[in-house]
Every structure is written in C-alpha cells, then in structure tokens.
Amino acid sequence: MSGRNPAPRRSYGGRSAEERRADRRERLLGAGLELFGTRGYAATSIERLCATASVSTRNFYEEFSGREELLTALHRGINERARAALDTAYAGAAGEPLPARVERAVRAFVTVTASDPRWARIAFVEVIGVSAGLERHRLQWRAHWEETMLAMIREAVERGEAADRDYRLTVIAIIGAVNNLVHHWSARDQTIPLDDITRELTHLILSAVR
C-alpha cells in the first residue's frame, strides 16, 4: 500500500456531487408528482419535467431511463409509505377489537394515499395501461395489499371475530372499492371529508367479514 490519502471528492458551492445529484433526483420526483398528478402522464413530456425541475435533459437521463421509470418510482414511493403507515397503525391497535383495528389501518392508508389528490391520481389512475412492465409492478403491489388484508382477516378468524371461510374474492372486491372510492374523491368530490371516506371503507370491510 502506498499510504497516500484518497483524493477528496470535488464539491461545488459546499455540496458534493452526490448531494447535488440527490437534489436533482428529488426535484425530478417533485416535478413528476406535480405534472403526472395534475396534467397526467400522457400529457407530460420529458422537456416539461426538466423545465419544472430546473434540470437538464442530460441530468434527467442520469437518474431515470424515461418517464415510465419516474412514474414507477413515484408509485413505489407512495405504496411504500402507505405500507409503513398501515403496519405501524395496525400494530399500535393490536389489543383493540376488530372495528378499531380496521379503522386504524384504513385511516393510515387513506391519509397517505388520498390526503394529496396528486398522489391519489398517481396511485390509482396514471399507472394503469402504461406498459406491460408497469402493469406487472402495479399488480405486484396489488398482490401485497391482498395478502395484507387476508392476514388481518385470518387474525380476526383466529380471535373469533370473523367467520372461517375463503376471503380471497372478498378481498379483491374490497380493494376495487377502495381504489374507486379514493379515486372518486381525488378526481371529483374533494369536499367530502377524508373522515367520511375512512368511515365508509371501515364499514364496508367490517360488513364483508362479519
């Protein structure tokens, strides 16, 4: 070994190249949220994304292969945040009866996915019909939510709070209802309080399993 210290990483304006790149990526994600969530994916060009994020086209392609990868990253991000919020809320209600556990889980999911109409549009609308690859990604997340709900129902069955039967078709129907109701709220009728959305979905789930 030579014993020489490694050359310092170059920085500009007090920020390293990694920090500047992370900042560009966050600006592109923010531009994607705003434009995909308001104008729509099909109506948004890479040039418009770059102008909104104040980055060059070259910088865009250093972060994403194209618009689809940016949309996928946004969809993954909202689902990961919803999963973390739901898991935390449900675990915090572990000692509560079924209605309270369901309400806490639903409220966490709705708060993350629907409190901003742009996120709701990305989560439930813009990812549909883009490509076969993005459809696989969407269906993987849908399968995750199906398994999450089935696990909650199995726990309710073990506690004697729900009938012991096959709930797979029920869960598919419930997820469809969740998606449609949240989309309806985000696209047309945001005057409805999110508490009402949470209450209606909680009632739907409890009616289906009890």
Protein backbone atom coordinates (compact mmCIF):
# COMPACT_ATOMS: atom_id res chain seq x y z
CA MET A 1 0.00 0.00 0.00
CA SER A 2 1.22 3.47 -0.86
CA GLY A 3 -0.12 5.12 2.27
CA ARG A 4 -1.45 8.01 0.24
CA ASN A 5 -4.79 9.50 1.25
CA PRO A 6 -7.56 9.21 -1.37
CA ALA A 7 -8.20 12.35 -3.38
CA PRO A 8 -11.03 14.42 -1.92
CA ARG A 9 -14.31 14.34 -3.77
CA ARG A 10 -14.99 17.53 -5.67
CA SER A 11 -17.66 19.81 -4.34
CA TYR A 12 -19.38 22.87 -5.71
CA GLY A 13 -20.98 25.52 -3.55
CA GLY A 14 -20.17 23.44 -0.46
CA ARG A 15 -22.08 20.39 -1.75
CA SER A 16 -20.64 17.12 -3.01
CA ALA A 17 -21.52 15.61 -6.36
CA GLU A 18 -23.65 13.00 -4.55
CA GLU A 19 -25.60 15.71 -2.72
CA ARG A 20 -26.21 17.66 -5.90
CA ARG A 21 -27.36 14.52 -7.70
CA ALA A 22 -29.70 13.62 -4.84
CA ASP A 23 -31.14 17.13 -5.00
CA ARG A 24 -31.73 16.82 -8.77
CA ARG A 25 -33.46 13.49 -8.26
CA GLU A 26 -35.75 14.95 -5.60
CA ARG A 27 -36.60 17.87 -7.88
CA LEU A 28 -37.47 15.46 -10.69
CA LEU A 29 -39.64 13.40 -8.35
CA GLY A 30 -41.37 16.60 -7.26
CA ALA A 31 -41.91 17.62 -10.88
CA GLY A 32 -43.31 14.18 -11.65
CA LEU A 33 -45.70 14.39 -8.72
CA GLU A 34 -46.94 17.80 -9.82
CA LEU A 35 -47.25 17.11 -13.55
CA PHE A 36 -48.34 13.46 -13.55
CA GLY A 37 -50.68 14.25 -10.65
CA THR A 38 -52.35 17.23 -12.37
CA ARG A 39 -51.83 17.15 -16.14
CA GLY A 40 -51.47 13.36 -16.35
CA TYR A 41 -48.71 11.02 -17.51
CA ALA A 42 -49.64 11.01 -21.20
CA ALA A 43 -49.74 14.81 -21.37
CA THR A 44 -46.34 15.32 -19.72
CA SER A 45 -43.13 15.41 -21.76
CA ILE A 46 -39.60 14.94 -20.51
CA GLU A 47 -38.89 18.52 -21.58
CA ARG A 48 -41.70 19.79 -19.35
CA LEU A 49 -40.45 17.66 -16.45
CA CYS A 50 -36.93 19.05 -16.85
CA ALA A 51 -38.16 22.64 -17.08
CA THR A 52 -40.29 22.22 -13.95
CA ALA A 53 -37.43 20.59 -12.03
CA SER A 54 -34.83 23.07 -13.39
CA VAL A 55 -32.54 20.28 -14.59
CA SER A 56 -31.10 19.48 -17.99
CA THR A 57 -32.27 16.61 -20.16
CA ARG A 58 -28.84 15.02 -19.67
CA ASN A 59 -29.32 15.17 -15.91
CA PHE A 60 -32.76 13.59 -16.29
CA TYR A 61 -31.32 10.56 -18.06
CA GLU A 62 -28.65 10.21 -15.39
CA GLU A 63 -31.48 9.48 -12.93
CA PHE A 64 -34.22 7.83 -14.97
CA SER A 65 -34.35 5.90 -18.23
CA GLY A 66 -37.54 7.75 -19.17
CA ARG A 67 -40.91 8.98 -17.95
CA GLU A 68 -42.06 5.47 -17.12
CA GLU A 69 -39.26 4.84 -14.66
CA LEU A 70 -40.05 8.15 -12.95
CA LEU A 71 -43.73 7.21 -12.70
CA THR A 72 -42.78 3.79 -11.34
CA ALA A 73 -40.57 5.39 -8.69
CA LEU A 74 -43.41 7.65 -7.59
CA HIS A 75 -45.89 4.77 -7.46
CA ARG A 76 -43.43 2.64 -5.48
CA GLY A 77 -42.81 5.51 -3.08
CA ILE A 78 -46.47 6.13 -2.27
CA ASN A 79 -47.10 2.42 -1.74
CA GLU A 80 -44.07 2.02 0.50
CA ARG A 81 -45.17 4.96 2.64
CA ALA A 82 -48.71 3.60 2.82
CA ARG A 83 -47.40 0.16 3.83
CA ALA A 84 -45.24 1.62 6.60
CA ALA A 85 -48.07 3.80 7.92
CA LEU A 86 -50.59 0.95 7.86
CA ASP A 87 -48.23 -1.51 9.54
CA THR A 88 -47.46 0.97 12.30
CA ALA A 89 -51.11 1.88 12.86
CA TYR A 90 -52.27 -1.74 12.89
CA ALA A 91 -49.52 -2.82 15.27
CA GLY A 92 -50.46 0.05 17.58
CA ALA A 93 -54.02 -1.25 17.75
CA ALA A 94 -53.06 -4.88 18.40
CA GLY A 95 -55.03 -5.10 21.64
CA GLU A 96 -58.14 -3.42 20.27
CA PRO A 97 -61.29 -5.14 18.91
CA LEU A 98 -61.69 -5.69 15.16
CA PRO A 99 -63.54 -2.43 14.35
CA ALA A 100 -60.80 -0.34 15.94
CA ARG A 101 -58.01 -2.29 14.21
CA VAL A 102 -59.67 -1.95 10.81
CA GLU A 103 -60.39 1.76 11.32
CA ARG A 104 -56.78 2.48 12.28
CA ALA A 105 -55.45 0.59 9.26
CA VAL A 106 -57.88 2.21 6.84
CA ARG A 107 -57.22 5.69 8.21
CA ALA A 108 -53.46 5.23 7.81
CA PHE A 109 -53.83 4.04 4.21
CA VAL A 110 -56.27 6.77 3.23
CA THR A 111 -54.25 9.51 4.91
CA VAL A 112 -51.12 8.61 2.95
CA THR A 113 -52.68 7.89 -0.44
CA ALA A 114 -55.50 10.43 -0.54
CA SER A 115 -54.56 13.46 1.56
CA ASP A 116 -52.95 14.90 -1.60
CA PRO A 117 -55.06 14.43 -4.76
CA ARG A 118 -51.89 14.25 -6.87
CA TRP A 119 -50.73 11.16 -5.01
CA ALA A 120 -54.18 9.59 -5.32
CA ARG A 121 -54.14 10.13 -9.08
CA ILE A 122 -50.69 8.57 -9.41
CA ALA A 123 -51.53 5.66 -7.11
CA PHE A 124 -54.85 4.72 -8.67
CA VAL A 125 -55.09 6.19 -12.19
CA GLU A 126 -51.92 7.16 -14.01
CA VAL A 127 -50.15 3.81 -13.62
CA ILE A 128 -52.91 1.91 -15.44
CA GLY A 129 -52.37 0.97 -19.08
CA VAL A 130 -48.90 2.47 -19.48
CA SER A 131 -46.94 -0.68 -20.32
CA ALA A 132 -46.69 -4.39 -19.56
CA GLY A 133 -43.78 -3.72 -17.22
CA LEU A 134 -45.57 -1.09 -15.20
CA GLU A 135 -48.67 -3.29 -15.09
CA ARG A 136 -46.59 -6.09 -13.51
CA HIS A 137 -45.29 -3.58 -10.98
CA ARG A 138 -48.84 -2.41 -10.18
CA LEU A 139 -50.13 -5.97 -9.83
CA GLN A 140 -47.27 -6.87 -7.50
CA TRP A 141 -48.35 -4.09 -5.18
CA ARG A 142 -51.99 -5.13 -5.53
CA ALA A 143 -50.99 -8.66 -4.51
CA HIS A 144 -49.19 -7.21 -1.50
CA TRP A 145 -52.34 -5.38 -0.37
CA GLU A 146 -54.42 -8.50 -0.91
CA GLU A 147 -52.08 -10.53 1.30
CA THR A 148 -52.01 -7.78 3.93
CA MET A 149 -55.79 -7.76 4.15
CA LEU A 150 -56.01 -11.55 4.17
CA ALA A 151 -53.54 -11.67 7.06
CA MET A 152 -55.71 -9.25 9.02
CA ILE A 153 -58.80 -11.33 8.32
CA ARG A 154 -57.03 -14.56 9.34
CA GLU A 155 -56.16 -12.90 12.64
CA ALA A 156 -59.81 -11.92 13.09
CA VAL A 157 -60.88 -15.52 12.37
CA GLU A 158 -58.42 -16.81 14.98
CA ARG A 159 -59.86 -14.36 17.51
CA GLY A 160 -63.40 -15.46 16.73
CA GLU A 161 -64.27 -12.07 15.24
CA ALA A 162 -64.95 -13.31 11.68
CA ALA A 163 -66.35 -16.43 10.07
CA ASP A 164 -63.85 -19.04 8.91
CA ARG A 165 -64.16 -19.09 5.11
CA ASP A 166 -62.23 -18.25 1.94
CA TYR A 167 -61.99 -14.45 1.69
CA ARG A 168 -59.89 -14.08 -1.45
CA LEU A 169 -62.71 -12.92 -3.72
CA THR A 170 -63.99 -10.66 -0.94
CA VAL A 171 -60.58 -9.02 -0.62
CA ILE A 172 -60.34 -8.43 -4.38
CA ALA A 173 -63.76 -6.76 -4.28
CA ILE A 174 -62.80 -4.63 -1.28
CA ILE A 175 -59.57 -3.44 -2.91
CA GLY A 176 -61.51 -2.48 -6.02
CA ALA A 177 -63.91 -0.49 -3.87
CA VAL A 178 -61.06 1.24 -2.05
CA ASN A 179 -59.39 2.23 -5.31
CA ASN A 180 -62.61 3.52 -6.85
CA LEU A 181 -63.73 5.46 -3.80
CA VAL A 182 -60.38 7.18 -3.27
CA HIS A 183 -60.14 7.95 -6.98
CA HIS A 184 -63.67 9.39 -6.97
CA TRP A 185 -62.73 11.63 -4.05
CA SER A 186 -59.48 12.83 -5.62
CA ALA A 187 -60.90 13.45 -9.08
CA ARG A 188 -64.38 14.84 -8.43
CA ASP A 189 -65.51 15.47 -4.92
CA GLN A 190 -62.79 16.59 -2.53
CA THR A 191 -65.43 18.39 -0.46
CA ILE A 192 -66.15 15.03 1.20
CA PRO A 193 -64.09 14.86 4.43
CA LEU A 194 -61.50 12.11 4.48
CA ASP A 195 -63.03 11.02 7.79
CA ASP A 196 -66.17 10.11 5.83
CA ILE A 197 -64.09 8.10 3.33
CA THR A 198 -62.40 6.27 6.21
CA ARG A 199 -65.70 5.57 7.94
CA GLU A 200 -67.34 4.23 4.77
CA LEU A 201 -64.45 1.92 3.93
CA THR A 202 -64.26 0.66 7.50
CA HIS A 203 -67.98 -0.12 7.43
CA LEU A 204 -67.59 -1.90 4.07
CA ILE A 205 -64.75 -4.11 5.31
CA LEU A 206 -66.47 -4.98 8.58
CA SER A 207 -69.72 -5.81 6.77
CA ALA A 208 -67.85 -8.14 4.44
CA VAL A 209 -66.04 -10.13 7.11
CA ARG A 210 -68.54 -10.29 9.98
